Amino acid sequence: MLETIKARILLRGTKAKTIIDDETFQEALKSVRQQYLDGFENSRPKDSEDRETAYMAIHLLKEVEDRLRTYISNALYEQNKP
């Protein structure tokens, strides 16, 4: 059972690295992030709901990136564990 868990952690890390290293994925993240930043920056003072949506979307993108990087770190740890 431990080998199965280890295999899943390693596979998840490998897949996460493939995604993070993918140029198209990075371009998409950058484009979407910039879209929300532009919307935030160009919003009018009364558009607080739109700014909150942009804020949440930007942070959600970071959470996705962070989660993928965590999968990579977990796999590296598991791979180097004695």
N, C-alpha and C. Protein backbone atom coordinates (compact mmCIF):
# COMPACT_ATOMS: atom_id res chain seq x y z
N MET A 1 0.81 -1.20 0.00
CA MET A 1 0.00 0.00 0.00
C MET A 1 0.86 1.26 0.00
N LEU A 2 1.95 1.27 0.78
CA LEU A 2 2.83 2.43 0.79
C LEU A 2 3.46 2.67 -0.57
N GLU A 3 3.78 1.60 -1.27
CA GLU A 3 4.33 1.75 -2.62
C GLU A 3 3.32 2.40 -3.57
N THR A 4 2.05 2.05 -3.40
CA THR A 4 1.00 2.63 -4.22
C THR A 4 0.88 4.13 -3.95
N ILE A 5 0.93 4.50 -2.67
CA ILE A 5 0.86 5.91 -2.30
C ILE A 5 2.07 6.65 -2.86
N LYS A 6 3.25 6.05 -2.70
CA LYS A 6 4.47 6.66 -3.22
C LYS A 6 4.37 6.82 -4.74
N ALA A 7 3.88 5.82 -5.43
CA ALA A 7 3.76 5.88 -6.88
C ALA A 7 2.81 7.01 -7.29
N ARG A 8 1.72 7.17 -6.54
CA ARG A 8 0.76 8.24 -6.86
C ARG A 8 1.38 9.61 -6.63
N ILE A 9 2.14 9.76 -5.56
CA ILE A 9 2.80 11.03 -5.27
C ILE A 9 3.80 11.36 -6.36
N LEU A 10 4.58 10.36 -6.77
CA LEU A 10 5.57 10.58 -7.82
C LEU A 10 4.92 10.90 -9.15
N LEU A 11 3.85 10.20 -9.49
CA LEU A 11 3.14 10.46 -10.74
C LEU A 11 2.52 11.85 -10.74
N ARG A 12 1.90 12.22 -9.63
CA ARG A 12 1.30 13.55 -9.50
C ARG A 12 2.38 14.62 -9.67
N GLY A 13 3.53 14.42 -9.06
CA GLY A 13 4.62 15.38 -9.19
C GLY A 13 5.13 15.50 -10.61
N THR A 14 5.25 14.37 -11.28
CA THR A 14 5.70 14.37 -12.68
C THR A 14 4.72 15.12 -13.56
N LYS A 15 3.44 14.85 -13.37
CA LYS A 15 2.42 15.54 -14.16
C LYS A 15 2.39 17.03 -13.85
N ALA A 16 2.52 17.38 -12.58
CA ALA A 16 2.53 18.79 -12.19
C ALA A 16 3.72 19.53 -12.82
N LYS A 17 4.87 18.88 -12.84
CA LYS A 17 6.05 19.50 -13.45
C LYS A 17 5.84 19.70 -14.94
N THR A 18 5.23 18.74 -15.59
CA THR A 18 4.93 18.87 -17.02
C THR A 18 4.02 20.08 -17.26
N ILE A 19 3.04 20.25 -16.40
CA ILE A 19 2.12 21.38 -16.56
C ILE A 19 2.84 22.69 -16.30
N ILE A 20 3.56 22.78 -15.18
CA ILE A 20 4.26 24.02 -14.81
C ILE A 20 5.28 24.41 -15.88
N ASP A 21 5.95 23.42 -16.45
CA ASP A 21 6.98 23.69 -17.46
C ASP A 21 6.41 23.96 -18.84
N ASP A 22 5.12 23.77 -19.00
CA ASP A 22 4.49 23.95 -20.32
C ASP A 22 4.38 25.44 -20.66
N GLU A 23 4.98 25.82 -21.75
CA GLU A 23 5.01 27.22 -22.18
C GLU A 23 3.59 27.76 -22.42
N THR A 24 2.74 26.96 -23.02
CA THR A 24 1.37 27.40 -23.29
C THR A 24 0.61 27.64 -21.99
N PHE A 25 0.79 26.76 -21.02
CA PHE A 25 0.14 26.94 -19.72
C PHE A 25 0.61 28.22 -19.06
N GLN A 26 1.92 28.46 -19.08
CA GLN A 26 2.47 29.67 -18.48
C GLN A 26 1.96 30.93 -19.19
N GLU A 27 1.89 30.88 -20.52
CA GLU A 27 1.35 32.02 -21.27
C GLU A 27 -0.11 32.27 -20.92
N ALA A 28 -0.87 31.20 -20.77
CA ALA A 28 -2.29 31.33 -20.41
C ALA A 28 -2.43 31.95 -19.02
N LEU A 29 -1.65 31.47 -18.06
CA LEU A 29 -1.70 32.05 -16.72
C LEU A 29 -1.36 33.53 -16.75
N LYS A 30 -0.29 33.85 -17.45
CA LYS A 30 0.15 35.25 -17.54
C LYS A 30 -0.92 36.11 -18.19
N SER A 31 -1.53 35.61 -19.24
CA SER A 31 -2.56 36.36 -19.96
C SER A 31 -3.80 36.58 -19.09
N VAL A 32 -4.24 35.54 -18.43
CA VAL A 32 -5.43 35.66 -17.58
C VAL A 32 -5.14 36.59 -16.40
N ARG A 33 -3.97 36.43 -15.78
CA ARG A 33 -3.59 37.29 -14.66
C ARG A 33 -3.58 38.75 -15.11
N GLN A 34 -2.99 39.01 -16.27
CA GLN A 34 -2.92 40.39 -16.78
C GLN A 34 -4.31 40.94 -17.08
N GLN A 35 -5.17 40.10 -17.60
CA GLN A 35 -6.55 40.52 -17.89
C GLN A 35 -7.24 41.01 -16.61
N TYR A 36 -7.09 40.25 -15.54
CA TYR A 36 -7.71 40.65 -14.27
C TYR A 36 -7.03 41.87 -13.66
N LEU A 37 -5.71 41.96 -13.78
CA LEU A 37 -5.01 43.15 -13.28
C LEU A 37 -5.44 44.40 -14.04
N ASP A 38 -5.58 44.28 -15.35
CA ASP A 38 -6.04 45.41 -16.15
C ASP A 38 -7.45 45.83 -15.75
N GLY A 39 -8.31 44.84 -15.56
CA GLY A 39 -9.67 45.14 -15.13
C GLY A 39 -9.70 45.83 -13.77
N PHE A 40 -8.85 45.36 -12.88
CA PHE A 40 -8.73 45.95 -11.55
C PHE A 40 -8.25 47.39 -11.66
N GLU A 41 -7.20 47.57 -12.42
CA GLU A 41 -6.59 48.90 -12.57
C GLU A 41 -7.51 49.90 -13.26
N ASN A 42 -8.29 49.44 -14.20
CA ASN A 42 -9.15 50.32 -14.98
C ASN A 42 -10.56 50.45 -14.41
N SER A 43 -10.80 49.86 -13.27
CA SER A 43 -12.14 49.92 -12.68
C SER A 43 -12.41 51.32 -12.13
N ARG A 44 -13.69 51.63 -12.08
CA ARG A 44 -14.12 52.90 -11.50
C ARG A 44 -14.30 52.72 -10.00
N PRO A 45 -14.26 53.81 -9.25
CA PRO A 45 -14.39 53.70 -7.80
C PRO A 45 -15.62 52.91 -7.34
N LYS A 46 -16.71 53.01 -8.05
CA LYS A 46 -17.94 52.32 -7.62
C LYS A 46 -17.97 50.84 -8.02
N ASP A 47 -16.95 50.36 -8.74
CA ASP A 47 -16.91 48.97 -9.23
C ASP A 47 -16.24 48.02 -8.22
N SER A 48 -16.57 48.16 -6.97
CA SER A 48 -15.90 47.36 -5.94
C SER A 48 -16.14 45.86 -6.12
N GLU A 49 -17.31 45.48 -6.60
CA GLU A 49 -17.61 44.05 -6.81
C GLU A 49 -16.71 43.47 -7.90
N ASP A 50 -16.48 44.23 -8.96
CA ASP A 50 -15.59 43.77 -10.03
C ASP A 50 -14.16 43.64 -9.54
N ARG A 51 -13.72 44.57 -8.70
CA ARG A 51 -12.36 44.50 -8.15
C ARG A 51 -12.22 43.29 -7.23
N GLU A 52 -13.24 43.02 -6.45
CA GLU A 52 -13.20 41.85 -5.57
C GLU A 52 -13.13 40.56 -6.38
N THR A 53 -13.87 40.52 -7.47
CA THR A 53 -13.83 39.34 -8.35
C THR A 53 -12.44 39.18 -8.95
N ALA A 54 -11.87 40.28 -9.42
CA ALA A 54 -10.52 40.23 -9.99
C ALA A 54 -9.50 39.79 -8.94
N TYR A 55 -9.63 40.32 -7.74
CA TYR A 55 -8.73 39.97 -6.65
C TYR A 55 -8.79 38.46 -6.38
N MET A 56 -10.00 37.95 -6.27
CA MET A 56 -10.16 36.52 -5.99
C MET A 56 -9.61 35.66 -7.14
N ALA A 57 -9.84 36.09 -8.37
CA ALA A 57 -9.36 35.33 -9.53
C ALA A 57 -7.83 35.30 -9.57
N ILE A 58 -7.20 36.42 -9.30
CA ILE A 58 -5.74 36.49 -9.29
C ILE A 58 -5.18 35.57 -8.22
N HIS A 59 -5.79 35.58 -7.05
CA HIS A 59 -5.32 34.72 -5.97
C HIS A 59 -5.60 33.24 -6.25
N LEU A 60 -6.68 32.97 -6.94
CA LEU A 60 -6.98 31.59 -7.31
C LEU A 60 -5.93 31.05 -8.28
N LEU A 61 -5.51 31.88 -9.23
CA LEU A 61 -4.45 31.46 -10.15
C LEU A 61 -3.17 31.12 -9.38
N LYS A 62 -2.85 31.95 -8.39
CA LYS A 62 -1.66 31.69 -7.59
C LYS A 62 -1.82 30.39 -6.78
N GLU A 63 -3.01 30.14 -6.27
CA GLU A 63 -3.25 28.90 -5.53
C GLU A 63 -3.04 27.68 -6.42
N VAL A 64 -3.48 27.75 -7.65
CA VAL A 64 -3.29 26.63 -8.58
C VAL A 64 -1.80 26.40 -8.81
N GLU A 65 -1.07 27.48 -9.09
CA GLU A 65 0.39 27.36 -9.28
C GLU A 65 1.06 26.79 -8.03
N ASP A 66 0.67 27.32 -6.88
CA ASP A 66 1.27 26.84 -5.62
C ASP A 66 0.97 25.37 -5.38
N ARG A 67 -0.24 24.95 -5.70
CA ARG A 67 -0.60 23.54 -5.50
C ARG A 67 0.23 22.64 -6.40
N LEU A 68 0.41 23.05 -7.65
CA LEU A 68 1.24 22.26 -8.57
C LEU A 68 2.68 22.18 -8.06
N ARG A 69 3.19 23.29 -7.56
CA ARG A 69 4.56 23.30 -7.04
C ARG A 69 4.68 22.42 -5.78
N THR A 70 3.62 22.38 -4.99
CA THR A 70 3.60 21.50 -3.82
C THR A 70 3.67 20.04 -4.25
N TYR A 71 2.91 19.69 -5.29
CA TYR A 71 2.96 18.32 -5.82
C TYR A 71 4.38 17.96 -6.26
N ILE A 72 5.04 18.92 -6.91
CA ILE A 72 6.42 18.69 -7.37
C ILE A 72 7.35 18.49 -6.17
N SER A 73 7.22 19.35 -5.18
CA SER A 73 8.06 19.25 -3.97
C SER A 73 7.82 17.94 -3.23
N ASN A 74 6.56 17.56 -3.12
CA ASN A 74 6.25 16.30 -2.44
C ASN A 74 6.86 15.11 -3.16
N ALA A 75 6.83 15.15 -4.49
CA ALA A 75 7.40 14.06 -5.28
C ALA A 75 8.91 14.01 -5.11
N LEU A 76 9.55 15.17 -5.11
CA LEU A 76 11.01 15.20 -4.92
C LEU A 76 11.38 14.69 -3.54
N TYR A 77 10.61 15.08 -2.54
CA TYR A 77 10.87 14.60 -1.19
C TYR A 77 10.71 13.08 -1.14
N GLU A 78 9.63 12.60 -1.71
CA GLU A 78 9.35 11.16 -1.70
C GLU A 78 10.43 10.38 -2.44
N GLN A 79 10.89 10.95 -3.53
CA GLN A 79 11.91 10.30 -4.36
C GLN A 79 13.25 10.20 -3.62
N ASN A 80 13.56 11.21 -2.81
CA ASN A 80 14.86 11.24 -2.12
C ASN A 80 14.78 10.71 -0.70
N LYS A 81 13.62 10.29 -0.29
CA LYS A 81 13.45 9.76 1.07
C LYS A 81 14.18 8.42 1.19
N PRO A 82 14.88 8.25 2.31
CA PRO A 82 15.62 6.97 2.49
C PRO A 82 14.70 5.77 2.62
